[in-house]
Amino acid sequence: MKLGADHPDTLISMGNLALTYSNQGRWEAAEELEVQVLETRKMKLGADHPDTLTSMGNLASTYSNQGRWEAAEELEVQVLETRKMKLGADHPDILISISNLASTYSNQGR
């Protein structure tokens, strides 16, 4: 059974492989896959879907690991603001988003 490049299971597998690359310090390979997953999820699910936001957060994490603080911050702000609108300010995922953004600010000396 062939699932296709944009099938949810394929995207999950790509995300898992990207995480493996990140754990190995292979940031460029991780980034390439994360961008593919993010763009596909945006097209298929929309920019504010929880899975899309997770992909955006994963890419932001890779940017942080590369020391690309501004790129990470831009994505983390998008994730935080969208989650606030969709989930409400009291949702537990908001705390994760705030923590990620605070870490990025700290890494920038802010």
PDB file of N, CA and C in Angstrom:
ATOM      1  N   MET A   1       0.838  -1.174   0.000  1.00  0.00           N
ATOM      2  CA  MET A   1       0.000   0.000   0.000  1.00  0.00           C
ATOM      3  C   MET A   1       0.887   1.242   0.000  1.00  0.00           C
ATOM      4  N   LYS A   2       0.719   2.075  -0.988  1.00  0.00           N
ATOM      5  CA  LYS A   2       1.490   3.307  -1.100  1.00  0.00           C
ATOM      6  C   LYS A   2       0.666   4.457  -0.535  1.00  0.00           C
ATOM      7  N   LEU A   3       1.257   5.209   0.382  1.00  0.00           N
ATOM      8  CA  LEU A   3       0.518   6.265   1.067  1.00  0.00           C
ATOM      9  C   LEU A   3       0.633   7.623   0.384  1.00  0.00           C
ATOM     10  N   GLY A   4       1.751   7.926  -0.210  1.00  0.00           N
ATOM     11  CA  GLY A   4       1.930   9.218  -0.857  1.00  0.00           C
ATOM     12  C   GLY A   4       2.671  10.203   0.025  1.00  0.00           C
ATOM     13  N   ALA A   5       3.254  11.207  -0.613  1.00  0.00           N
ATOM     14  CA  ALA A   5       4.110  12.174   0.075  1.00  0.00           C
ATOM     15  C   ALA A   5       3.360  13.056   1.060  1.00  0.00           C
ATOM     16  N   ASP A   6       2.051  13.241   0.845  1.00  0.00           N
ATOM     17  CA  ASP A   6       1.304  14.133   1.732  1.00  0.00           C
ATOM     18  C   ASP A   6       0.356  13.398   2.675  1.00  0.00           C
ATOM     19  N   HIS A   7       0.483  12.080   2.751  1.00  0.00           N
ATOM     20  CA  HIS A   7      -0.338  11.299   3.673  1.00  0.00           C
ATOM     21  C   HIS A   7       0.104  11.602   5.111  1.00  0.00           C
ATOM     22  N   PRO A   8      -0.835  11.695   6.041  1.00  0.00           N
ATOM     23  CA  PRO A   8      -0.474  12.000   7.430  1.00  0.00           C
ATOM     24  C   PRO A   8       0.593  11.065   8.014  1.00  0.00           C
ATOM     25  N   ASP A   9       0.515   9.776   7.710  1.00  0.00           N
ATOM     26  CA  ASP A   9       1.514   8.837   8.235  1.00  0.00           C
ATOM     27  C   ASP A   9       2.898   9.108   7.657  1.00  0.00           C
ATOM     28  N   THR A  10       2.945   9.491   6.386  1.00  0.00           N
ATOM     29  CA  THR A  10       4.220   9.839   5.757  1.00  0.00           C
ATOM     30  C   THR A  10       4.814  11.065   6.434  1.00  0.00           C
ATOM     31  N   LEU A  11       3.969  12.057   6.698  1.00  0.00           N
ATOM     32  CA  LEU A  11       4.442  13.283   7.340  1.00  0.00           C
ATOM     33  C   LEU A  11       4.932  13.020   8.760  1.00  0.00           C
ATOM     34  N   ILE A  12       4.260  12.143   9.473  1.00  0.00           N
ATOM     35  CA  ILE A  12       4.708  11.763  10.816  1.00  0.00           C
ATOM     36  C   ILE A  12       6.074  11.090  10.736  1.00  0.00           C
ATOM     37  N   SER A  13       6.239  10.187   9.770  1.00  0.00           N
ATOM     38  CA  SER A  13       7.525   9.504   9.599  1.00  0.00           C
ATOM     39  C   SER A  13       8.632  10.484   9.242  1.00  0.00           C
ATOM     40  N   MET A  14       8.313  11.438   8.383  1.00  0.00           N
ATOM     41  CA  MET A  14       9.302  12.459   8.021  1.00  0.00           C
ATOM     42  C   MET A  14       9.690  13.292   9.243  1.00  0.00           C
ATOM     43  N   GLY A  15       8.706  13.632  10.049  1.00  0.00           N
ATOM     44  CA  GLY A  15       8.978  14.379  11.270  1.00  0.00           C
ATOM     45  C   GLY A  15       9.838  13.587  12.243  1.00  0.00           C
ATOM     46  N   ASN A  16       9.568  12.285  12.350  1.00  0.00           N
ATOM     47  CA  ASN A  16      10.373  11.429  13.223  1.00  0.00           C
ATOM     48  C   ASN A  16      11.816  11.337  12.733  1.00  0.00           C
ATOM     49  N   LEU A  17      11.987  11.226  11.421  1.00  0.00           N
ATOM     50  CA  LEU A  17      13.333  11.184  10.855  1.00  0.00           C
ATOM     51  C   LEU A  17      14.054  12.512  11.098  1.00  0.00           C
ATOM     52  N   ALA A  18      13.325  13.616  10.959  1.00  0.00           N
ATOM     53  CA  ALA A  18      13.914  14.932  11.237  1.00  0.00           C
ATOM     54  C   ALA A  18      14.373  15.015  12.692  1.00  0.00           C
ATOM     55  N   LEU A  19      13.581  14.475  13.607  1.00  0.00           N
ATOM     56  CA  LEU A  19      13.962  14.460  15.022  1.00  0.00           C
ATOM     57  C   LEU A  19      15.231  13.634  15.227  1.00  0.00           C
ATOM     58  N   THR A  20      15.321  12.512  14.546  1.00  0.00           N
ATOM     59  CA  THR A  20      16.530  11.687  14.622  1.00  0.00           C
ATOM     60  C   THR A  20      17.741  12.468  14.131  1.00  0.00           C
ATOM     61  N   TYR A  21      17.573  13.157  13.008  1.00  0.00           N
ATOM     62  CA  TYR A  21      18.666  13.991  12.498  1.00  0.00           C
ATOM     63  C   TYR A  21      19.056  15.061  13.517  1.00  0.00           C
ATOM     64  N   SER A  22      18.069  15.682  14.140  1.00  0.00           N
ATOM     65  CA  SER A  22      18.353  16.703  15.158  1.00  0.00           C
ATOM     66  C   SER A  22      19.143  16.111  16.318  1.00  0.00           C
ATOM     67  N   ASN A  23      18.720  14.943  16.768  1.00  0.00           N
ATOM     68  CA  ASN A  23      19.411  14.281  17.880  1.00  0.00           C
ATOM     69  C   ASN A  23      20.854  13.929  17.530  1.00  0.00           C
ATOM     70  N   GLN A  24      21.123  13.780  16.239  1.00  0.00           N
ATOM     71  CA  GLN A  24      22.477  13.486  15.763  1.00  0.00           C
ATOM     72  C   GLN A  24      23.264  14.762  15.456  1.00  0.00           C
ATOM     73  N   GLY A  25      22.616  15.914  15.606  1.00  0.00           N
ATOM     74  CA  GLY A  25      23.273  17.175  15.281  1.00  0.00           C
ATOM     75  C   GLY A  25      23.332  17.457  13.793  1.00  0.00           C
ATOM     76  N   ARG A  26      22.512  16.772  13.026  1.00  0.00           N
ATOM     77  CA  ARG A  26      22.472  16.960  11.570  1.00  0.00           C
ATOM     78  C   ARG A  26      21.381  17.990  11.251  1.00  0.00           C
ATOM     79  N   TRP A  27      21.682  19.249  11.605  1.00  0.00           N
ATOM     80  CA  TRP A  27      20.680  20.316  11.575  1.00  0.00           C
ATOM     81  C   TRP A  27      20.141  20.602  10.178  1.00  0.00           C
ATOM     82  N   GLU A  28      21.006  20.594   9.176  1.00  0.00           N
ATOM     83  CA  GLU A  28      20.544  20.912   7.818  1.00  0.00           C
ATOM     84  C   GLU A  28      19.588  19.848   7.296  1.00  0.00           C
ATOM     85  N   ALA A  29      19.903  18.581   7.555  1.00  0.00           N
ATOM     86  CA  ALA A  29      19.018  17.494   7.125  1.00  0.00           C
ATOM     87  C   ALA A  29      17.687  17.571   7.866  1.00  0.00           C
ATOM     88  N   ALA A  30      17.745  17.869   9.160  1.00  0.00           N
ATOM     89  CA  ALA A  30      16.520  18.015   9.950  1.00  0.00           C
ATOM     90  C   ALA A  30      15.689  19.171   9.421  1.00  0.00           C
ATOM     91  N   GLU A  31      16.345  20.290   9.182  1.00  0.00           N
ATOM     92  CA  GLU A  31      15.637  21.472   8.686  1.00  0.00           C
ATOM     93  C   GLU A  31      14.947  21.197   7.355  1.00  0.00           C
ATOM     94  N   GLU A  32      15.638  20.533   6.455  1.00  0.00           N
ATOM     95  CA  GLU A  32      15.062  20.245   5.136  1.00  0.00           C
ATOM     96  C   GLU A  32      13.766  19.451   5.256  1.00  0.00           C
ATOM     97  N   LEU A  33      13.782  18.413   6.081  1.00  0.00           N
ATOM     98  CA  LEU A  33      12.569  17.611   6.272  1.00  0.00           C
ATOM     99  C   LEU A  33      11.482  18.402   6.988  1.00  0.00           C
ATOM    100  N   GLU A  34      11.861  19.153   8.004  1.00  0.00           N
ATOM    101  CA  GLU A  34      10.873  19.924   8.765  1.00  0.00           C
ATOM    102  C   GLU A  34      10.185  20.968   7.900  1.00  0.00           C
ATOM    103  N   VAL A  35      10.928  21.590   7.007  1.00  0.00           N
ATOM    104  CA  VAL A  35      10.324  22.565   6.086  1.00  0.00           C
ATOM    105  C   VAL A  35       9.328  21.862   5.170  1.00  0.00           C
ATOM    106  N   GLN A  36       9.693  20.686   4.664  1.00  0.00           N
ATOM    107  CA  GLN A  36       8.780  19.930   3.793  1.00  0.00           C
ATOM    108  C   GLN A  36       7.499  19.569   4.530  1.00  0.00           C
ATOM    109  N   VAL A  37       7.641  19.070   5.751  1.00  0.00           N
ATOM    110  CA  VAL A  37       6.466  18.685   6.542  1.00  0.00           C
ATOM    111  C   VAL A  37       5.608  19.911   6.833  1.00  0.00           C
ATOM    112  N   LEU A  38       6.233  21.004   7.240  1.00  0.00           N
ATOM    113  CA  LEU A  38       5.493  22.225   7.560  1.00  0.00           C
ATOM    114  C   LEU A  38       4.727  22.739   6.350  1.00  0.00           C
ATOM    115  N   GLU A  39       5.381  22.841   5.220  1.00  0.00           N
ATOM    116  CA  GLU A  39       4.718  23.369   4.022  1.00  0.00           C
ATOM    117  C   GLU A  39       3.578  22.463   3.568  1.00  0.00           C
ATOM    118  N   THR A  40       3.775  21.162   3.645  1.00  0.00           N
ATOM    119  CA  THR A  40       2.715  20.227   3.251  1.00  0.00           C
ATOM    120  C   THR A  40       1.530  20.329   4.201  1.00  0.00           C
ATOM    121  N   ARG A  41       1.803  20.402   5.481  1.00  0.00           N
ATOM    122  CA  ARG A  41       0.708  20.526   6.452  1.00  0.00           C
ATOM    123  C   ARG A  41      -0.031  21.853   6.295  1.00  0.00           C
ATOM    124  N   LYS A  42       0.696  22.924   6.010  1.00  0.00           N
ATOM    125  CA  LYS A  42       0.024  24.202   5.762  1.00  0.00           C
ATOM    126  C   LYS A  42      -0.946  24.073   4.601  1.00  0.00           C
ATOM    127  N   MET A  43      -0.505  23.440   3.523  1.00  0.00           N
ATOM    128  CA  MET A  43      -1.359  23.289   2.333  1.00  0.00           C
ATOM    129  C   MET A  43      -2.546  22.377   2.604  1.00  0.00           C
ATOM    130  N   LYS A  44      -2.306  21.262   3.281  1.00  0.00           N
ATOM    131  CA  LYS A  44      -3.343  20.251   3.474  1.00  0.00           C
ATOM    132  C   LYS A  44      -4.279  20.556   4.645  1.00  0.00           C
ATOM    133  N   LEU A  45      -3.719  21.094   5.729  1.00  0.00           N
ATOM    134  CA  LEU A  45      -4.492  21.251   6.965  1.00  0.00           C
ATOM    135  C   LEU A  45      -4.808  22.694   7.319  1.00  0.00           C
ATOM    136  N   GLY A  46      -4.014  23.615   6.781  1.00  0.00           N
ATOM    137  CA  GLY A  46      -4.165  25.022   7.121  1.00  0.00           C
ATOM    138  C   GLY A  46      -3.091  25.461   8.102  1.00  0.00           C
ATOM    139  N   ALA A  47      -2.828  26.752   8.117  1.00  0.00           N
ATOM    140  CA  ALA A  47      -1.748  27.309   8.932  1.00  0.00           C
ATOM    141  C   ALA A  47      -2.028  27.245  10.427  1.00  0.00           C
ATOM    142  N   ASP A  48      -3.309  27.127  10.812  1.00  0.00           N
ATOM    143  CA  ASP A  48      -3.636  27.153  12.239  1.00  0.00           C
ATOM    144  C   ASP A  48      -4.006  25.785  12.810  1.00  0.00           C
ATOM    145  N   HIS A  49      -3.792  24.725  12.032  1.00  0.00           N
ATOM    146  CA  HIS A  49      -4.075  23.372  12.519  1.00  0.00           C
ATOM    147  C   HIS A  49      -3.025  22.981  13.571  1.00  0.00           C
ATOM    148  N   PRO A  50      -3.424  22.265  14.618  1.00  0.00           N
ATOM    149  CA  PRO A  50      -2.467  21.874  15.659  1.00  0.00           C
ATOM    150  C   PRO A  50      -1.233  21.133  15.126  1.00  0.00           C
ATOM    151  N   ASP A  51      -1.416  20.255  14.148  1.00  0.00           N
ATOM    152  CA  ASP A  51      -0.265  19.535  13.588  1.00  0.00           C
ATOM    153  C   ASP A  51       0.680  20.485  12.855  1.00  0.00           C
ATOM    154  N   THR A  52       0.119  21.475  12.174  1.00  0.00           N
ATOM    155  CA  THR A  52       0.938  22.471  11.489  1.00  0.00           C
ATOM    156  C   THR A  52       1.725  23.281  12.509  1.00  0.00           C
ATOM    157  N   LEU A  53       1.073  23.651  13.595  1.00  0.00           N
ATOM    158  CA  LEU A  53       1.748  24.424  14.641  1.00  0.00           C
ATOM    159  C   LEU A  53       2.860  23.608  15.304  1.00  0.00           C
ATOM    160  N   THR A  54       2.634  22.319  15.481  1.00  0.00           N
ATOM    161  CA  THR A  54       3.684  21.449  16.018  1.00  0.00           C
ATOM    162  C   THR A  54       4.878  21.420  15.078  1.00  0.00           C
ATOM    163  N   SER A  55       4.611  21.307  13.780  1.00  0.00           N
ATOM    164  CA  SER A  55       5.693  21.320  12.792  1.00  0.00           C
ATOM    165  C   SER A  55       6.451  22.639  12.822  1.00  0.00           C
ATOM    166  N   MET A  56       5.722  23.724  12.984  1.00  0.00           N
ATOM    167  CA  MET A  56       6.344  25.042  13.053  1.00  0.00           C
ATOM    168  C   MET A  56       7.244  25.131  14.292  1.00  0.00           C
ATOM    169  N   GLY A  57       6.772  24.603  15.398  1.00  0.00           N
ATOM    170  CA  GLY A  57       7.577  24.583  16.616  1.00  0.00           C
ATOM    171  C   GLY A  57       8.818  23.718  16.480  1.00  0.00           C
ATOM    172  N   ASN A  58       8.685  22.595  15.784  1.00  0.00           N
ATOM    173  CA  ASN A  58       9.839  21.726  15.561  1.00  0.00           C
ATOM    174  C   ASN A  58      10.905  22.432  14.729  1.00  0.00           C
ATOM    175  N   LEU A  59      10.470  23.139  13.696  1.00  0.00           N
ATOM    176  CA  LEU A  59      11.413  23.880  12.863  1.00  0.00           C
ATOM    177  C   LEU A  59      12.069  24.997  13.676  1.00  0.00           C
ATOM    178  N   ALA A  60      11.300  25.663  14.510  1.00  0.00           N
ATOM    179  CA  ALA A  60      11.858  26.707  15.373  1.00  0.00           C
ATOM    180  C   ALA A  60      12.930  26.131  16.293  1.00  0.00           C
ATOM    181  N   SER A  61      12.696  24.944  16.799  1.00  0.00           N
ATOM    182  CA  SER A  61      13.675  24.286  17.664  1.00  0.00           C
ATOM    183  C   SER A  61      14.975  24.012  16.912  1.00  0.00           C
ATOM    184  N   THR A  62      14.854  23.575  15.685  1.00  0.00           N
ATOM    185  CA  THR A  62      16.047  23.334  14.870  1.00  0.00           C
ATOM    186  C   THR A  62      16.789  24.636  14.611  1.00  0.00           C
ATOM    187  N   TYR A  63      16.048  25.693  14.321  1.00  0.00           N
ATOM    188  CA  TYR A  63      16.692  26.998  14.145  1.00  0.00           C
ATOM    189  C   TYR A  63      17.436  27.406  15.418  1.00  0.00           C
ATOM    190  N   SER A  64      16.827  27.178  16.567  1.00  0.00           N
ATOM    191  CA  SER A  64      17.484  27.499  17.840  1.00  0.00           C
ATOM    192  C   SER A  64      18.774  26.704  18.005  1.00  0.00           C
ATOM    193  N   ASN A  65      18.703  25.424  17.683  1.00  0.00           N
ATOM    194  CA  ASN A  65      19.890  24.577  17.793  1.00  0.00           C
ATOM    195  C   ASN A  65      21.007  25.029  16.862  1.00  0.00           C
ATOM    196  N   GLN A  66      20.644  25.720  15.797  1.00  0.00           N
ATOM    197  CA  GLN A  66      21.621  26.255  14.854  1.00  0.00           C
ATOM    198  C   GLN A  66      22.081  27.658  15.251  1.00  0.00           C
ATOM    199  N   GLY A  67      21.503  28.203  16.324  1.00  0.00           N
ATOM    200  CA  GLY A  67      21.832  29.563  16.733  1.00  0.00           C
ATOM    201  C   GLY A  67      21.156  30.620  15.882  1.00  0.00           C
ATOM    202  N   ARG A  68      20.122  30.239  15.167  1.00  0.00           N
ATOM    203  CA  ARG A  68      19.378  31.165  14.305  1.00  0.00           C
ATOM    204  C   ARG A  68      18.187  31.703  15.099  1.00  0.00           C
ATOM    205  N   TRP A  69      18.516  32.549  16.078  1.00  0.00           N
ATOM    206  CA  TRP A  69      17.533  32.997  17.062  1.00  0.00           C
ATOM    207  C   TRP A  69      16.380  33.784  16.447  1.00  0.00           C
ATOM    208  N   GLU A  70      16.670  34.661  15.503  1.00  0.00           N
ATOM    209  CA  GLU A  70      15.600  35.482  14.924  1.00  0.00           C
ATOM    210  C   GLU A  70      14.597  34.626  14.157  1.00  0.00           C
ATOM    211  N   ALA A  71      15.092  33.643  13.414  1.00  0.00           N
ATOM    212  CA  ALA A  71      14.195  32.748  12.678  1.00  0.00           C
ATOM    213  C   ALA A  71      13.361  31.921  13.650  1.00  0.00           C
ATOM    214  N   ALA A  72      14.005  31.444  14.718  1.00  0.00           N
ATOM    215  CA  ALA A  72      13.282  30.677  15.737  1.00  0.00           C
ATOM    216  C   ALA A  72      12.222  31.539  16.403  1.00  0.00           C
ATOM    217  N   GLU A  73      12.608  32.752  16.761  1.00  0.00           N
ATOM    218  CA  GLU A  73      11.669  33.665  17.423  1.00  0.00           C
ATOM    219  C   GLU A  73      10.451  33.942  16.551  1.00  0.00           C
ATOM    220  N   GLU A  74      10.672  34.191  15.285  1.00  0.00           N
ATOM    221  CA  GLU A  74       9.557  34.485  14.375  1.00  0.00           C
ATOM    222  C   GLU A  74       8.536  33.353  14.367  1.00  0.00           C
ATOM    223  N   LEU A  75       9.016  32.119  14.268  1.00  0.00           N
ATOM    224  CA  LEU A  75       8.102  30.977  14.260  1.00  0.00           C
ATOM    225  C   LEU A  75       7.444  30.777  15.621  1.00  0.00           C
ATOM    226  N   GLU A  76       8.207  30.930  16.686  1.00  0.00           N
ATOM    227  CA  GLU A  76       7.652  30.730  18.028  1.00  0.00           C
ATOM    228  C   GLU A  76       6.569  31.749  18.352  1.00  0.00           C
ATOM    229  N   VAL A  77       6.741  32.979  17.911  1.00  0.00           N
ATOM    230  CA  VAL A  77       5.705  33.999  18.112  1.00  0.00           C
ATOM    231  C   VAL A  77       4.445  33.607  17.345  1.00  0.00           C
ATOM    232  N   GLN A  78       4.608  33.132  16.113  1.00  0.00           N
ATOM    233  CA  GLN A  78       3.445  32.696  15.320  1.00  0.00           C
ATOM    234  C   GLN A  78       2.713  31.561  16.016  1.00  0.00           C
ATOM    235  N   VAL A  79       3.470  30.583  16.501  1.00  0.00           N
ATOM    236  CA  VAL A  79       2.858  29.440  17.186  1.00  0.00           C
ATOM    237  C   VAL A  79       2.110  29.917  18.428  1.00  0.00           C
ATOM    238  N   LEU A  80       2.741  30.749  19.228  1.00  0.00           N
ATOM    239  CA  LEU A  80       2.115  31.237  20.461  1.00  0.00           C
ATOM    240  C   LEU A  80       0.836  32.006  20.168  1.00  0.00           C
ATOM    241  N   GLU A  81       0.899  32.949  19.257  1.00  0.00           N
ATOM    242  CA  GLU A  81      -0.275  33.776  18.956  1.00  0.00           C
ATOM    243  C   GLU A  81      -1.417  32.944  18.374  1.00  0.00           C
ATOM    244  N   THR A  82      -1.088  32.015  17.494  1.00  0.00           N
ATOM    245  CA  THR A  82      -2.136  31.183  16.888  1.00  0.00           C
ATOM    246  C   THR A  82      -2.753  30.257  17.923  1.00  0.00           C
ATOM    247  N   ARG A  83      -1.924  29.672  18.768  1.00  0.00           N
ATOM    248  CA  ARG A  83      -2.459  28.800  19.821  1.00  0.00           C
ATOM    249  C   ARG A  83      -3.349  29.580  20.783  1.00  0.00           C
ATOM    250  N   LYS A  84      -2.954  30.792  21.126  1.00  0.00           N
ATOM    251  CA  LYS A  84      -3.798  31.615  22.007  1.00  0.00           C
ATOM    252  C   LYS A  84      -5.166  31.832  21.381  1.00  0.00           C
ATOM    253  N   MET A  85      -5.178  32.162  20.092  1.00  0.00           N
ATOM    254  CA  MET A  85      -6.456  32.411  19.404  1.00  0.00           C
ATOM    255  C   MET A  85      -7.297  31.147  19.306  1.00  0.00           C
ATOM    256  N   LYS A  86      -6.667  30.022  18.995  1.00  0.00           N
ATOM    257  CA  LYS A  86      -7.409  28.784  18.756  1.00  0.00           C
ATOM    258  C   LYS A  86      -7.763  28.034  20.040  1.00  0.00           C
ATOM    259  N   LEU A  87      -6.857  28.064  21.023  1.00  0.00           N
ATOM    260  CA  LEU A  87      -7.021  27.228  22.205  1.00  0.00           C
ATOM    261  C   LEU A  87      -7.405  27.997  23.459  1.00  0.00           C
ATOM    262  N   GLY A  88      -7.173  29.299  23.453  1.00  0.00           N
ATOM    263  CA  GLY A  88      -7.412  30.099  24.648  1.00  0.00           C
ATOM    264  C   GLY A  88      -6.139  30.224  25.473  1.00  0.00           C
ATOM    265  N   ALA A  89      -6.044  31.305  26.206  1.00  0.00           N
ATOM    266  CA  ALA A  89      -4.822  31.634  26.943  1.00  0.00           C
ATOM    267  C   ALA A  89      -4.510  30.660  28.078  1.00  0.00           C
ATOM    268  N   ASP A  90      -5.494  29.884  28.532  1.00  0.00           N
ATOM    269  CA  ASP A  90      -5.287  28.985  29.665  1.00  0.00           C
ATOM    270  C   ASP A  90      -4.929  27.559  29.267  1.00  0.00           C
ATOM    271  N   HIS A  91      -4.839  27.278  27.976  1.00  0.00           N
ATOM    272  CA  HIS A  91      -4.539  25.920  27.515  1.00  0.00           C
ATOM    273  C   HIS A  91      -3.088  25.559  27.851  1.00  0.00           C
ATOM    274  N   PRO A  92      -2.831  24.308  28.266  1.00  0.00           N
ATOM    275  CA  PRO A  92      -1.462  23.898  28.614  1.00  0.00           C
ATOM    276  C   PRO A  92      -0.433  24.095  27.489  1.00  0.00           C
ATOM    277  N   ASP A  93      -0.847  23.960  26.245  1.00  0.00           N
ATOM    278  CA  ASP A  93       0.093  24.145  25.135  1.00  0.00           C
ATOM    279  C   ASP A  93       0.641  25.571  25.081  1.00  0.00           C
ATOM    280  N   ILE A  94      -0.114  26.514  25.632  1.00  0.00           N
ATOM    281  CA  ILE A  94       0.339  27.908  25.658  1.00  0.00           C
ATOM    282  C   ILE A  94       1.593  28.030  26.523  1.00  0.00           C
ATOM    283  N   LEU A  95       1.618  27.302  27.637  1.00  0.00           N
ATOM    284  CA  LEU A  95       2.785  27.348  28.523  1.00  0.00           C
ATOM    285  C   LEU A  95       4.033  26.830  27.823  1.00  0.00           C
ATOM    286  N   ILE A  96       3.877  25.789  27.028  1.00  0.00           N
ATOM    287  CA  ILE A  96       5.008  25.256  26.260  1.00  0.00           C
ATOM    288  C   ILE A  96       5.505  26.309  25.281  1.00  0.00           C
ATOM    289  N   SER A  97       4.573  26.951  24.596  1.00  0.00           N
ATOM    290  CA  SER A  97       4.944  27.985  23.625  1.00  0.00           C
ATOM    291  C   SER A  97       5.648  29.156  24.301  1.00  0.00           C
ATOM    292  N   ILE A  98       5.147  29.569  25.456  1.00  0.00           N
ATOM    293  CA  ILE A  98       5.767  30.669  26.198  1.00  0.00           C
ATOM    294  C   ILE A  98       7.182  30.272  26.639  1.00  0.00           C
ATOM    295  N   SER A  99       7.332  29.058  27.120  1.00  0.00           N
ATOM    296  CA  SER A  99       8.639  28.573  27.560  1.00  0.00           C
ATOM    297  C   SER A  99       9.642  28.553  26.407  1.00  0.00           C
ATOM    298  N   ASN A 100       9.205  28.074  25.251  1.00  0.00           N
ATOM    299  CA  ASN A 100      10.090  28.032  24.085  1.00  0.00           C
ATOM    300  C   ASN A 100      10.530  29.435  23.680  1.00  0.00           C
ATOM    301  N   LEU A 101       9.586  30.352  23.655  1.00  0.00           N
ATOM    302  CA  LEU A 101       9.899  31.727  23.271  1.00  0.00           C
ATOM    303  C   LEU A 101      10.810  32.385  24.311  1.00  0.00           C
ATOM    304  N   ALA A 102      10.546  32.137  25.584  1.00  0.00           N
ATOM    305  CA  ALA A 102      11.390  32.695  26.647  1.00  0.00           C
ATOM    306  C   ALA A 102      12.826  32.186  26.533  1.00  0.00           C
ATOM    307  N   SER A 103      12.977  30.922  26.203  1.00  0.00           N
ATOM    308  CA  SER A 103      14.311  30.351  26.021  1.00  0.00           C
ATOM    309  C   SER A 103      15.045  31.030  24.869  1.00  0.00           C
ATOM    310  N   THR A 104      14.327  31.281  23.791  1.00  0.00           N
ATOM    311  CA  THR A 104      14.927  31.962  22.639  1.00  0.00           C
ATOM    312  C   THR A 104      15.324  33.382  23.009  1.00  0.00           C
ATOM    313  N   TYR A 105      14.459  34.077  23.731  1.00  0.00           N
ATOM    314  CA  TYR A 105      14.803  35.425  24.199  1.00  0.00           C
ATOM    315  C   TYR A 105      16.062  35.379  25.074  1.00  0.00           C
ATOM    316  N   SER A 106      16.118  34.416  25.975  1.00  0.00           N
ATOM    317  CA  SER A 106      17.271  34.283  26.863  1.00  0.00           C
ATOM    318  C   SER A 106      18.554  34.041  26.071  1.00  0.00           C
ATOM    319  N   ASN A 107      18.470  33.202  25.065  1.00  0.00           N
ATOM    320  CA  ASN A 107      19.638  32.919  24.230  1.00  0.00           C
ATOM    321  C   ASN A 107      20.110  34.145  23.460  1.00  0.00           C
ATOM    322  N   GLN A 108      19.205  35.095  23.279  1.00  0.00           N
ATOM    323  CA  GLN A 108      19.558  36.343  22.603  1.00  0.00           C
ATOM    324  C   GLN A 108      19.989  37.422  23.600  1.00  0.00           C
ATOM    325  N   GLY A 109      20.006  37.068  24.894  1.00  0.00           N
ATOM    326  CA  GLY A 109      20.374  38.028  25.923  1.00  0.00           C
ATOM    327  C   GLY A 109      19.292  39.041  26.217  1.00  0.00           C
ATOM    328  N   ARG A 110      18.043  38.649  25.972  1.00  0.00           N
ATOM    329  CA  ARG A 110      16.921  39.566  26.185  1.00  0.00           C
ATOM    330  C   ARG A 110      16.104  39.154  27.392  1.00  0.00           C
TER     331      ARG A 110
END
